[in-house]
Amino acid sequence: MALNKAAGFAEFDMTKAIVINDIAAVHKMFDLDPPRHPLVSVIRVDDVLLTKNIPYINQSYIINLFQISLKSGFCDELTYGRNKYDFKEGTLVFTKPGQRITVSTAERKVEPGGWTLLFHPDLIRKSALGKCIEQFSFFSYDSHEALHLSDEERKNLTDLADKVEVEYKQGIDRHTQTLLVANIELILNYCVRYYDRQFYVRTNTNSDVVARLDTLLDDYFGKQKALELGLPTVAYCSSVLHMSSSYLSDMLKREIGKSAQQVIQERLIDRAKTCLLGTDEQISQVAYSLGFEYPQHFSKLFKAKTGLSPQQYRREH
């Protein structure tokens, strides 16, 4: 079976992901009317529920669009990243172009009222938002790290999504793109605020994650895993802690004012100081024991963090 490539679909194969490249292809998949704007659309769960067309079950999709989904509702359960996610009312999930999504079940158990805002990278490419979109790190969060909204927050974001829809439905003129991008950026900025609130109210849980990260790094160096695995990475730590790298770093920044990379490097330097002062090992041996492939990289990082080379630090202390 093949899907219409002209509509933005790649060849259909149950063993491979279906690649969807544009807004028109999403509308076609759900048997909706053609989009009113080629680069942006707000799809309502209510409209999807009225159609008989549903996504292929147990099929993976790669959608090369930005998506913001409120209680999505296109299906009951998705696999996204490493985790399955059951959509609950009042949650917001973000995906960026190129992410693989798998539809696990077609049962429409969701309540109406949800929506998904989709926009093509070309919509924002020449704008200020296009230059800073990577700063909105929640597009790289795993699905279980979704934003949980209060009723007021949900209403505010829905109102903004409504404005996006009204704007592209009233016809395109020279102001349309500016206003569309401005409203999308406003949605994203509100989501930054709401995530700050979510991190704040989960401070006890976050403190537990900080403690678990400390234990993880102690174990990593104490059991000399660096000799086998190399330097500890943010990806490794976040995987062990069952969260995305972006979420871990953002949570740590809000909790202790440091990114995951900064925490790892600080622990690395502390361990290096202990080795330099507590052993007679050569600098190269210390570097290898910490996971560095090249001793000069260790020396460069150590001096950048302490102002002294490993040799100078050992002599002066």
Protein backbone atom coordinates (compact mmCIF):
# COMPACT_ATOMS: atom_id res chain seq x y z
CA MET A 1 0.00 0.00 0.00
CA ALA A 2 1.33 3.43 -0.89
CA LEU A 3 0.24 6.83 0.33
CA ASN A 4 0.16 9.92 -1.83
CA LYS A 5 3.68 11.34 -1.86
CA ALA A 6 2.41 14.55 -3.38
CA ALA A 7 0.39 15.10 -0.22
CA GLY A 8 3.53 14.90 1.88
CA PHE A 9 3.59 11.18 2.74
CA ALA A 10 6.48 8.83 2.21
CA GLU A 11 5.93 5.25 1.08
CA PHE A 12 3.80 3.23 3.54
CA ASP A 13 5.47 0.18 5.05
CA MET A 14 4.40 -1.37 8.36
CA THR A 15 8.05 -2.14 9.17
CA LYS A 16 9.11 1.47 8.69
CA ALA A 17 7.98 4.87 9.86
CA ILE A 18 5.57 6.90 7.76
CA VAL A 19 7.22 10.26 7.14
CA ILE A 20 4.86 13.24 7.07
CA ASN A 21 6.40 16.43 5.78
CA ASP A 22 3.62 19.01 5.70
CA ILE A 23 0.32 20.21 7.12
CA ALA A 24 -1.70 18.94 4.16
CA ALA A 25 -0.56 15.36 4.85
CA VAL A 26 -1.76 15.54 8.45
CA HIS A 27 -5.19 16.75 7.32
CA LYS A 28 -5.34 13.97 4.74
CA MET A 29 -4.43 11.36 7.37
CA PHE A 30 -7.41 12.36 9.51
CA ASP A 31 -9.73 12.88 6.53
CA LEU A 32 -10.10 16.57 7.35
CA ASP A 33 -10.77 19.45 4.97
CA PRO A 34 -7.67 20.85 3.24
CA PRO A 35 -5.75 23.26 5.49
CA ARG A 36 -6.46 26.98 5.28
CA HIS A 37 -2.76 27.79 5.58
CA PRO A 38 0.09 25.67 4.16
CA LEU A 39 2.41 26.11 7.15
CA VAL A 40 0.21 26.11 10.27
CA SER A 41 -2.96 24.44 11.52
CA VAL A 42 -4.92 23.93 14.71
CA ILE A 43 -6.57 20.51 14.65
CA ARG A 44 -9.41 19.97 17.13
CA VAL A 45 -10.02 16.62 18.76
CA ASP A 46 -13.75 17.26 18.22
CA ASP A 47 -13.18 17.39 14.44
CA VAL A 48 -11.08 14.23 14.46
CA LEU A 49 -13.72 12.37 16.45
CA LEU A 50 -16.28 13.15 13.75
CA THR A 51 -14.25 11.38 11.08
CA LYS A 52 -14.02 7.66 10.54
CA ASN A 53 -10.41 7.80 9.52
CA ILE A 54 -7.85 6.92 12.21
CA PRO A 55 -4.07 6.47 12.13
CA TYR A 56 -2.63 3.05 11.38
CA ILE A 57 -2.29 1.08 14.59
CA ASN A 58 1.15 0.00 15.81
CA GLN A 59 2.56 2.22 13.10
CA SER A 60 5.38 4.69 13.63
CA TYR A 61 5.32 8.20 12.24
CA ILE A 62 8.03 10.80 11.76
CA ILE A 63 6.30 14.17 11.51
CA ASN A 64 8.58 16.94 10.33
CA LEU A 65 6.55 19.64 12.04
CA PHE A 66 6.52 21.30 15.43
CA GLN A 67 3.54 20.12 17.49
CA ILE A 68 1.93 21.38 20.68
CA SER A 69 -0.83 19.02 21.81
CA LEU A 70 -3.34 19.62 24.57
CA LYS A 71 -4.77 16.30 25.75
CA SER A 72 -4.06 15.30 22.18
CA GLY A 73 -6.72 12.68 21.65
CA PHE A 74 -5.76 11.49 18.17
CA CYS A 75 -5.23 8.15 19.91
CA ASP A 76 -5.40 6.81 23.42
CA GLU A 77 -1.74 5.94 23.88
CA LEU A 78 1.49 6.92 22.17
CA THR A 79 5.04 5.69 22.43
CA TYR A 80 7.37 8.65 22.28
CA GLY A 81 11.07 8.44 23.04
CA ARG A 82 11.60 5.64 25.57
CA ASN A 83 8.21 5.81 27.22
CA LYS A 84 4.53 5.13 26.68
CA TYR A 85 2.27 8.02 27.43
CA ASP A 86 -1.43 7.87 28.30
CA PHE A 87 -2.93 11.27 27.55
CA LYS A 88 -4.72 12.81 30.53
CA GLU A 89 -6.89 15.87 30.65
CA GLY A 90 -5.00 19.12 31.15
CA THR A 91 -1.62 17.98 29.84
CA LEU A 92 0.46 19.57 27.11
CA VAL A 93 2.99 17.61 25.05
CA PHE A 94 5.58 19.09 22.69
CA THR A 95 7.27 17.39 19.75
CA LYS A 96 9.75 18.76 17.25
CA PRO A 97 10.45 17.83 13.63
CA GLY A 98 12.04 14.44 13.12
CA GLN A 99 10.76 12.80 16.30
CA ARG A 100 9.44 9.25 15.97
CA ILE A 101 5.91 8.66 17.33
CA THR A 102 4.15 5.30 17.48
CA VAL A 103 0.39 4.91 17.67
CA SER A 104 -0.27 1.99 20.01
CA THR A 105 -4.06 1.84 20.12
CA ALA A 106 -6.94 3.28 18.16
CA GLU A 107 -9.58 3.29 20.88
CA ARG A 108 -11.02 6.77 21.16
CA LYS A 109 -11.48 7.01 24.88
CA VAL A 110 -10.49 10.65 25.15
CA GLU A 111 -12.94 13.42 25.87
CA PRO A 112 -13.49 16.18 23.31
CA GLY A 113 -11.98 19.62 23.75
CA GLY A 114 -8.32 18.96 23.06
CA TRP A 115 -6.30 20.41 20.21
CA THR A 116 -2.97 20.17 18.44
CA LEU A 117 -1.16 23.18 17.02
CA LEU A 118 1.16 22.19 14.19
CA PHE A 119 3.54 24.52 12.40
CA HIS A 120 6.17 23.97 9.76
CA PRO A 121 9.75 25.15 10.43
CA ASP A 122 9.45 27.39 7.36
CA LEU A 123 6.82 29.48 9.15
CA ILE A 124 9.36 30.74 11.67
CA ARG A 125 12.59 30.29 9.73
CA LYS A 126 13.22 33.98 9.02
CA SER A 127 11.79 35.27 12.29
CA ALA A 128 13.38 35.97 15.66
CA LEU A 129 11.54 32.89 16.98
CA GLY A 130 13.21 30.73 14.34
CA LYS A 131 16.62 31.84 15.61
CA CYS A 132 15.83 30.95 19.24
CA ILE A 133 13.43 28.00 18.94
CA GLU A 134 16.09 25.66 20.39
CA GLN A 135 15.88 27.61 23.65
CA PHE A 136 12.46 26.09 24.22
CA SER A 137 13.99 22.87 25.44
CA PHE A 138 10.66 21.23 26.31
CA PHE A 139 10.41 20.24 22.62
CA SER A 140 13.09 17.68 23.53
CA TYR A 141 11.40 16.37 26.69
CA ASP A 142 10.10 12.82 26.88
CA SER A 143 6.33 12.41 26.84
CA HIS A 144 6.14 11.53 30.54
CA GLU A 145 7.63 14.96 31.25
CA ALA A 146 4.57 16.69 29.84
CA LEU A 147 3.31 20.01 31.17
CA HIS A 148 0.36 19.61 33.54
CA LEU A 149 -1.92 22.63 33.37
CA SER A 150 -4.33 24.23 35.78
CA ASP A 151 -7.78 25.13 34.46
CA GLU A 152 -6.73 28.78 34.11
CA GLU A 153 -3.51 27.88 32.28
CA ARG A 154 -5.37 25.54 29.97
CA LYS A 155 -7.91 28.26 29.14
CA ASN A 156 -5.18 30.81 28.47
CA LEU A 157 -3.32 28.54 26.03
CA THR A 158 -6.54 27.48 24.33
CA ASP A 159 -7.46 31.13 23.82
CA LEU A 160 -4.09 31.72 22.16
CA ALA A 161 -4.50 28.65 19.94
CA ASP A 162 -7.92 30.05 18.98
CA LYS A 163 -6.26 33.32 17.94
CA VAL A 164 -3.83 31.42 15.73
CA GLU A 165 -6.74 29.66 14.05
CA VAL A 166 -8.76 32.85 13.59
CA GLU A 167 -5.74 34.58 12.07
CA TYR A 168 -5.07 32.06 9.31
CA LYS A 169 -8.76 31.51 8.58
CA GLN A 170 -9.49 35.17 7.83
CA GLY A 171 -7.23 35.20 4.81
CA ILE A 172 -3.53 35.77 4.23
CA ASP A 173 -2.13 39.28 3.92
CA ARG A 174 1.22 40.92 4.65
CA HIS A 175 0.54 40.89 8.40
CA THR A 176 -0.53 37.25 8.69
CA GLN A 177 2.83 35.60 9.22
CA THR A 178 3.98 38.18 11.77
CA LEU A 179 0.82 37.75 13.83
CA LEU A 180 0.87 33.94 13.57
CA VAL A 181 4.47 33.78 14.75
CA ALA A 182 3.81 36.30 17.53
CA ASN A 183 0.95 34.23 18.93
CA ILE A 184 2.93 30.99 18.71
CA GLU A 185 5.85 32.63 20.51
CA LEU A 186 3.45 33.88 23.19
CA ILE A 187 2.20 30.32 23.69
CA LEU A 188 5.76 29.09 24.09
CA ASN A 189 6.68 31.85 26.54
CA TYR A 190 3.65 31.05 28.68
CA CYS A 191 4.72 27.40 28.64
CA VAL A 192 8.14 28.43 29.99
CA ARG A 193 6.34 30.15 32.87
CA TYR A 194 4.08 27.17 33.50
CA TYR A 195 7.01 24.74 33.47
CA ASP A 196 8.75 26.96 36.03
CA ARG A 197 5.66 26.59 38.19
CA GLN A 198 5.65 22.83 37.68
CA PHE A 199 9.32 22.52 38.65
CA TYR A 200 8.65 24.66 41.72
CA VAL A 201 5.71 22.62 43.03
CA ARG A 202 7.71 19.43 42.51
CA THR A 203 10.68 20.62 44.51
CA ASN A 204 10.65 17.58 46.83
CA THR A 205 10.75 15.22 43.88
CA ASN A 206 13.44 17.32 42.22
CA SER A 207 15.58 17.24 45.37
CA ASP A 208 15.36 13.47 45.26
CA VAL A 209 16.62 13.51 41.66
CA VAL A 210 19.58 15.69 42.69
CA ALA A 211 20.45 13.20 45.43
CA ARG A 212 20.10 10.28 43.02
CA LEU A 213 22.40 12.01 40.53
CA ASP A 214 25.02 12.48 43.25
CA THR A 215 24.78 8.80 44.14
CA LEU A 216 24.97 7.82 40.48
CA LEU A 217 28.20 9.80 39.96
CA ASP A 218 29.70 8.46 43.19
CA ASP A 219 28.97 4.96 41.96
CA TYR A 220 30.31 5.74 38.47
CA PHE A 221 33.70 6.84 39.75
CA GLY A 222 33.81 4.57 42.79
CA LYS A 223 33.30 1.44 40.70
CA GLN A 224 35.64 2.74 38.00
CA LYS A 225 33.01 2.58 35.29
CA ALA A 226 34.90 5.36 33.53
CA LEU A 227 37.58 2.85 32.53
CA GLU A 228 34.97 0.92 30.57
CA LEU A 229 32.45 3.57 29.55
CA GLY A 230 34.56 6.72 29.33
CA LEU A 231 33.52 10.09 30.71
CA PRO A 232 30.07 10.22 32.30
CA THR A 233 27.68 12.03 29.96
CA VAL A 234 24.40 13.84 30.42
CA ALA A 235 22.78 11.25 28.16
CA TYR A 236 24.05 8.39 30.36
CA CYS A 237 22.91 10.03 33.60
CA SER A 238 19.50 11.01 32.29
CA SER A 239 18.96 7.49 30.94
CA VAL A 240 19.74 5.93 34.32
CA LEU A 241 17.43 8.45 36.00
CA HIS A 242 14.68 7.73 33.43
CA MET A 243 14.29 11.23 32.04
CA SER A 244 15.33 13.18 28.98
CA SER A 245 18.62 15.05 28.94
CA SER A 246 16.83 18.37 28.39
CA TYR A 247 14.43 17.85 31.28
CA LEU A 248 17.24 16.83 33.65
CA SER A 249 19.28 19.93 32.79
CA ASP A 250 16.31 22.28 33.06
CA MET A 251 15.26 20.78 36.38
CA LEU A 252 18.80 21.09 37.80
CA LYS A 253 19.07 24.72 36.63
CA ARG A 254 15.91 25.59 38.49
CA GLU A 255 16.77 23.51 41.55
CA ILE A 256 20.49 24.26 42.08
CA GLY A 257 21.32 26.80 39.38
CA LYS A 258 23.54 24.44 37.38
CA SER A 259 23.05 22.38 34.24
CA ALA A 260 23.59 18.63 34.20
CA GLN A 261 26.84 19.13 32.30
CA GLN A 262 28.09 21.56 34.94
CA VAL A 263 27.22 19.13 37.75
CA ILE A 264 29.06 16.30 36.01
CA GLN A 265 32.12 18.42 35.35
CA GLU A 266 32.25 19.64 38.95
CA ARG A 267 32.14 16.07 40.23
CA LEU A 268 34.77 15.13 37.67
CA ILE A 269 37.11 17.89 38.86
CA ASP A 270 36.51 16.97 42.52
CA ARG A 271 37.42 13.37 41.75
CA ALA A 272 40.49 14.54 39.84
CA LYS A 273 41.66 16.64 42.81
CA THR A 274 41.30 13.63 45.10
CA CYS A 275 43.35 11.49 42.72
CA LEU A 276 46.03 14.12 42.26
CA LEU A 277 46.53 14.68 45.99
CA GLY A 278 45.78 11.19 47.26
CA THR A 279 47.89 9.15 44.86
CA ASP A 280 51.25 9.25 43.11
CA GLU A 281 49.75 8.28 39.76
CA GLN A 282 51.03 10.03 36.68
CA ILE A 283 48.77 12.71 35.21
CA SER A 284 48.03 10.48 32.24
CA GLN A 285 46.92 7.64 34.55
CA VAL A 286 44.60 9.99 36.43
CA ALA A 287 43.14 11.14 33.13
CA TYR A 288 42.50 7.59 31.91
CA SER A 289 40.96 6.55 35.24
CA LEU A 290 38.45 9.40 34.93
CA GLY A 291 37.44 8.34 31.43
CA PHE A 292 39.47 10.74 29.29
CA GLU A 293 40.73 9.28 26.05
CA TYR A 294 43.50 11.84 25.77
CA PRO A 295 45.38 13.26 28.81
CA GLN A 296 45.71 16.68 27.18
CA HIS A 297 41.91 17.00 27.18
CA PHE A 298 41.90 16.34 30.92
CA SER A 299 44.62 18.94 31.50
CA LYS A 300 42.75 21.51 29.43
CA LEU A 301 39.47 21.01 31.30
CA PHE A 302 41.15 20.95 34.70
CA LYS A 303 42.95 24.25 34.04
CA ALA A 304 39.77 25.83 32.68
CA LYS A 305 37.91 24.94 35.88
CA THR A 306 40.64 25.57 38.48
CA GLY A 307 43.04 28.04 36.86
CA LEU A 308 45.88 25.56 37.41
CA SER A 309 47.25 22.67 35.39
CA PRO A 310 47.10 19.24 37.12
CA GLN A 311 50.86 19.43 37.73
CA GLN A 312 50.60 22.92 39.27
CA TYR A 313 47.68 21.88 41.45
CA ARG A 314 49.60 18.88 42.79
CA ARG A 315 52.69 20.99 43.52
CA GLU A 316 50.84 23.82 45.21
CA HIS A 317 48.65 21.61 47.38
